[in-house]
Amino acid sequence: MFGCKHKFGEVKNGYQYCEKCGKAIVVSCSHKWETEDILQRDNAINDFVGLVYILKCSKCGEIKKINIS
């Protein structure tokens, strides 16, 4: 029996589906990071130590933080 020559359509919820047979493949996100929040880090005597950026991907919703000293 011959296999399907997949024709994948648009991405839905991180998956791309073949229009012919329905096979799903995971599609990794090409993140578009947006700043969600900026927090100031300090030590016990309130000296400035750095910033923490909270970033969120506007495409998939993944969240990450970046510490800047």
N, C-alpha and C. Protein backbone atom coordinates (compact mmCIF):
# COMPACT_ATOMS: atom_id res chain seq x y z
N MET A 1 0.85 -1.18 0.00
CA MET A 1 0.00 0.00 0.00
C MET A 1 0.89 1.25 0.00
N PHE A 2 0.47 2.25 -0.69
CA PHE A 2 1.22 3.50 -0.80
C PHE A 2 0.89 4.42 0.36
N GLY A 3 1.91 5.18 0.82
CA GLY A 3 1.70 6.14 1.90
C GLY A 3 1.13 7.44 1.36
N CYS A 4 0.64 8.22 2.26
CA CYS A 4 0.07 9.51 1.91
C CYS A 4 1.18 10.50 1.58
N LYS A 5 1.00 11.29 0.54
CA LYS A 5 1.89 12.40 0.26
C LYS A 5 1.27 13.60 0.96
N HIS A 6 1.72 13.78 2.20
CA HIS A 6 1.09 14.75 3.09
C HIS A 6 1.07 16.17 2.53
N LYS A 7 -0.04 16.82 2.79
CA LYS A 7 -0.21 18.23 2.46
C LYS A 7 -0.66 18.90 3.76
N PHE A 8 0.33 19.47 4.47
CA PHE A 8 0.03 20.04 5.78
C PHE A 8 -0.54 21.44 5.64
N GLY A 9 -1.59 21.71 6.42
CA GLY A 9 -2.27 23.00 6.39
C GLY A 9 -1.77 23.93 7.46
N GLU A 10 -2.65 24.80 7.94
CA GLU A 10 -2.27 25.82 8.91
C GLU A 10 -2.01 25.20 10.29
N VAL A 11 -1.27 25.93 11.11
CA VAL A 11 -0.94 25.48 12.46
C VAL A 11 -2.11 25.79 13.40
N LYS A 12 -2.52 24.78 14.18
CA LYS A 12 -3.59 24.95 15.17
C LYS A 12 -3.12 24.34 16.48
N ASN A 13 -3.05 25.17 17.53
CA ASN A 13 -2.65 24.71 18.86
C ASN A 13 -1.32 23.99 18.87
N GLY A 14 -0.37 24.45 18.07
CA GLY A 14 0.97 23.87 18.06
C GLY A 14 1.11 22.63 17.18
N TYR A 15 0.05 22.25 16.47
CA TYR A 15 0.09 21.08 15.57
C TYR A 15 -0.29 21.51 14.16
N GLN A 16 0.24 20.75 13.21
CA GLN A 16 -0.10 20.97 11.80
C GLN A 16 -0.67 19.65 11.29
N TYR A 17 -1.81 19.68 10.65
CA TYR A 17 -2.53 18.48 10.22
C TYR A 17 -2.49 18.32 8.70
N CYS A 18 -2.31 17.06 8.27
CA CYS A 18 -2.37 16.76 6.84
C CYS A 18 -3.81 16.89 6.39
N GLU A 19 -4.03 17.60 5.30
CA GLU A 19 -5.37 17.82 4.77
C GLU A 19 -5.95 16.56 4.15
N LYS A 20 -5.09 15.58 3.80
CA LYS A 20 -5.55 14.35 3.17
C LYS A 20 -5.88 13.25 4.17
N CYS A 21 -4.94 12.96 5.09
CA CYS A 21 -5.13 11.81 5.98
C CYS A 21 -5.32 12.20 7.44
N GLY A 22 -5.08 13.44 7.80
CA GLY A 22 -5.28 13.90 9.17
C GLY A 22 -4.08 13.72 10.10
N LYS A 23 -2.96 13.22 9.59
CA LYS A 23 -1.77 13.05 10.43
C LYS A 23 -1.37 14.39 11.02
N ALA A 24 -1.01 14.38 12.32
CA ALA A 24 -0.61 15.60 13.01
C ALA A 24 0.88 15.56 13.31
N ILE A 25 1.54 16.71 13.13
CA ILE A 25 2.94 16.85 13.51
C ILE A 25 3.06 18.07 14.42
N VAL A 26 4.00 17.99 15.37
CA VAL A 26 4.23 19.10 16.29
C VAL A 26 5.04 20.16 15.56
N VAL A 27 4.62 21.39 15.70
CA VAL A 27 5.33 22.51 15.09
C VAL A 27 5.90 23.36 16.21
N SER A 28 7.22 23.54 16.19
CA SER A 28 7.82 24.38 17.22
C SER A 28 7.51 25.85 16.94
N CYS A 29 7.38 26.59 18.00
CA CYS A 29 7.02 28.00 17.88
C CYS A 29 8.26 28.84 17.57
N SER A 30 8.15 29.77 16.67
CA SER A 30 9.20 30.78 16.46
C SER A 30 8.77 31.97 17.32
N HIS A 31 9.16 31.90 18.58
CA HIS A 31 8.66 32.80 19.61
C HIS A 31 8.75 34.28 19.23
N LYS A 32 7.74 35.00 19.66
CA LYS A 32 7.72 36.46 19.58
C LYS A 32 7.56 36.94 21.02
N TRP A 33 8.71 37.25 21.67
CA TRP A 33 8.72 37.59 23.08
C TRP A 33 8.26 39.01 23.32
N GLU A 34 7.39 39.16 24.32
CA GLU A 34 6.93 40.48 24.76
C GLU A 34 7.17 40.58 26.26
N THR A 35 7.54 41.75 26.73
CA THR A 35 7.80 41.95 28.16
C THR A 35 6.48 41.95 28.92
N GLU A 36 6.36 41.02 29.85
CA GLU A 36 5.17 40.90 30.68
C GLU A 36 5.32 41.72 31.96
N ASP A 37 6.53 41.71 32.54
CA ASP A 37 6.77 42.42 33.79
C ASP A 37 8.27 42.63 33.97
N ILE A 38 8.64 43.65 34.72
CA ILE A 38 10.04 43.92 35.07
C ILE A 38 10.09 44.07 36.59
N LEU A 39 10.90 43.24 37.23
CA LEU A 39 11.03 43.27 38.68
C LEU A 39 12.43 43.71 39.05
N GLN A 40 12.55 44.46 40.13
CA GLN A 40 13.86 44.90 40.60
C GLN A 40 14.31 43.95 41.71
N ARG A 41 15.51 43.40 41.56
CA ARG A 41 16.09 42.55 42.60
C ARG A 41 16.97 43.41 43.49
N ASP A 42 16.91 43.15 44.79
CA ASP A 42 17.82 43.83 45.71
C ASP A 42 18.20 42.87 46.83
N ASN A 43 19.21 43.23 47.59
CA ASN A 43 19.61 42.38 48.70
C ASN A 43 18.98 42.89 49.99
N ALA A 44 19.39 42.33 51.12
CA ALA A 44 18.76 42.63 52.41
C ALA A 44 18.88 44.11 52.81
N ILE A 45 19.92 44.80 52.34
CA ILE A 45 20.09 46.21 52.73
C ILE A 45 19.59 47.17 51.63
N ASN A 46 18.76 46.62 50.73
CA ASN A 46 18.12 47.40 49.67
C ASN A 46 19.08 48.05 48.69
N ASP A 47 20.25 47.44 48.48
CA ASP A 47 21.14 47.89 47.42
C ASP A 47 20.67 47.26 46.11
N PHE A 48 20.73 48.01 45.04
CA PHE A 48 20.32 47.49 43.73
C PHE A 48 21.25 46.35 43.30
N VAL A 49 20.68 45.24 42.92
CA VAL A 49 21.46 44.09 42.45
C VAL A 49 21.20 43.84 40.96
N GLY A 50 19.99 44.03 40.49
CA GLY A 50 19.70 43.80 39.07
C GLY A 50 18.21 43.80 38.79
N LEU A 51 17.88 43.42 37.58
CA LEU A 51 16.49 43.36 37.14
C LEU A 51 16.13 41.95 36.71
N VAL A 52 14.86 41.61 36.83
CA VAL A 52 14.35 40.34 36.32
C VAL A 52 13.26 40.70 35.31
N TYR A 53 13.47 40.31 34.06
CA TYR A 53 12.47 40.52 33.01
C TYR A 53 11.64 39.26 32.86
N ILE A 54 10.33 39.38 32.95
CA ILE A 54 9.41 38.28 32.71
C ILE A 54 8.88 38.46 31.29
N LEU A 55 9.17 37.48 30.42
CA LEU A 55 8.77 37.55 29.01
C LEU A 55 7.74 36.49 28.71
N LYS A 56 6.82 36.81 27.80
CA LYS A 56 5.78 35.87 27.39
C LYS A 56 5.68 35.88 25.87
N CYS A 57 5.64 34.68 25.27
CA CYS A 57 5.49 34.57 23.82
C CYS A 57 4.04 34.88 23.46
N SER A 58 3.85 35.80 22.55
CA SER A 58 2.49 36.18 22.15
C SER A 58 1.85 35.12 21.25
N LYS A 59 2.64 34.16 20.75
CA LYS A 59 2.10 33.12 19.88
C LYS A 59 1.65 31.88 20.66
N CYS A 60 2.53 31.36 21.55
CA CYS A 60 2.22 30.10 22.23
C CYS A 60 1.98 30.25 23.72
N GLY A 61 2.32 31.40 24.30
CA GLY A 61 2.07 31.63 25.71
C GLY A 61 3.19 31.19 26.65
N GLU A 62 4.29 30.64 26.12
CA GLU A 62 5.40 30.22 26.97
C GLU A 62 5.96 31.43 27.71
N ILE A 63 6.35 31.20 28.97
CA ILE A 63 6.88 32.28 29.81
C ILE A 63 8.31 31.94 30.19
N LYS A 64 9.19 32.97 30.18
CA LYS A 64 10.55 32.78 30.64
C LYS A 64 11.00 34.04 31.36
N LYS A 65 12.06 33.90 32.17
CA LYS A 65 12.60 35.07 32.86
C LYS A 65 14.06 35.23 32.52
N ILE A 66 14.52 36.48 32.51
CA ILE A 66 15.91 36.80 32.24
C ILE A 66 16.40 37.68 33.39
N ASN A 67 17.48 37.24 34.02
CA ASN A 67 18.09 38.02 35.10
C ASN A 67 19.19 38.90 34.52
N ILE A 68 19.14 40.18 34.84
CA ILE A 68 20.16 41.12 34.38
C ILE A 68 20.78 41.76 35.62
N SER A 69 22.08 41.55 35.79
CA SER A 69 22.78 42.09 36.96
C SER A 69 23.42 43.41 36.65
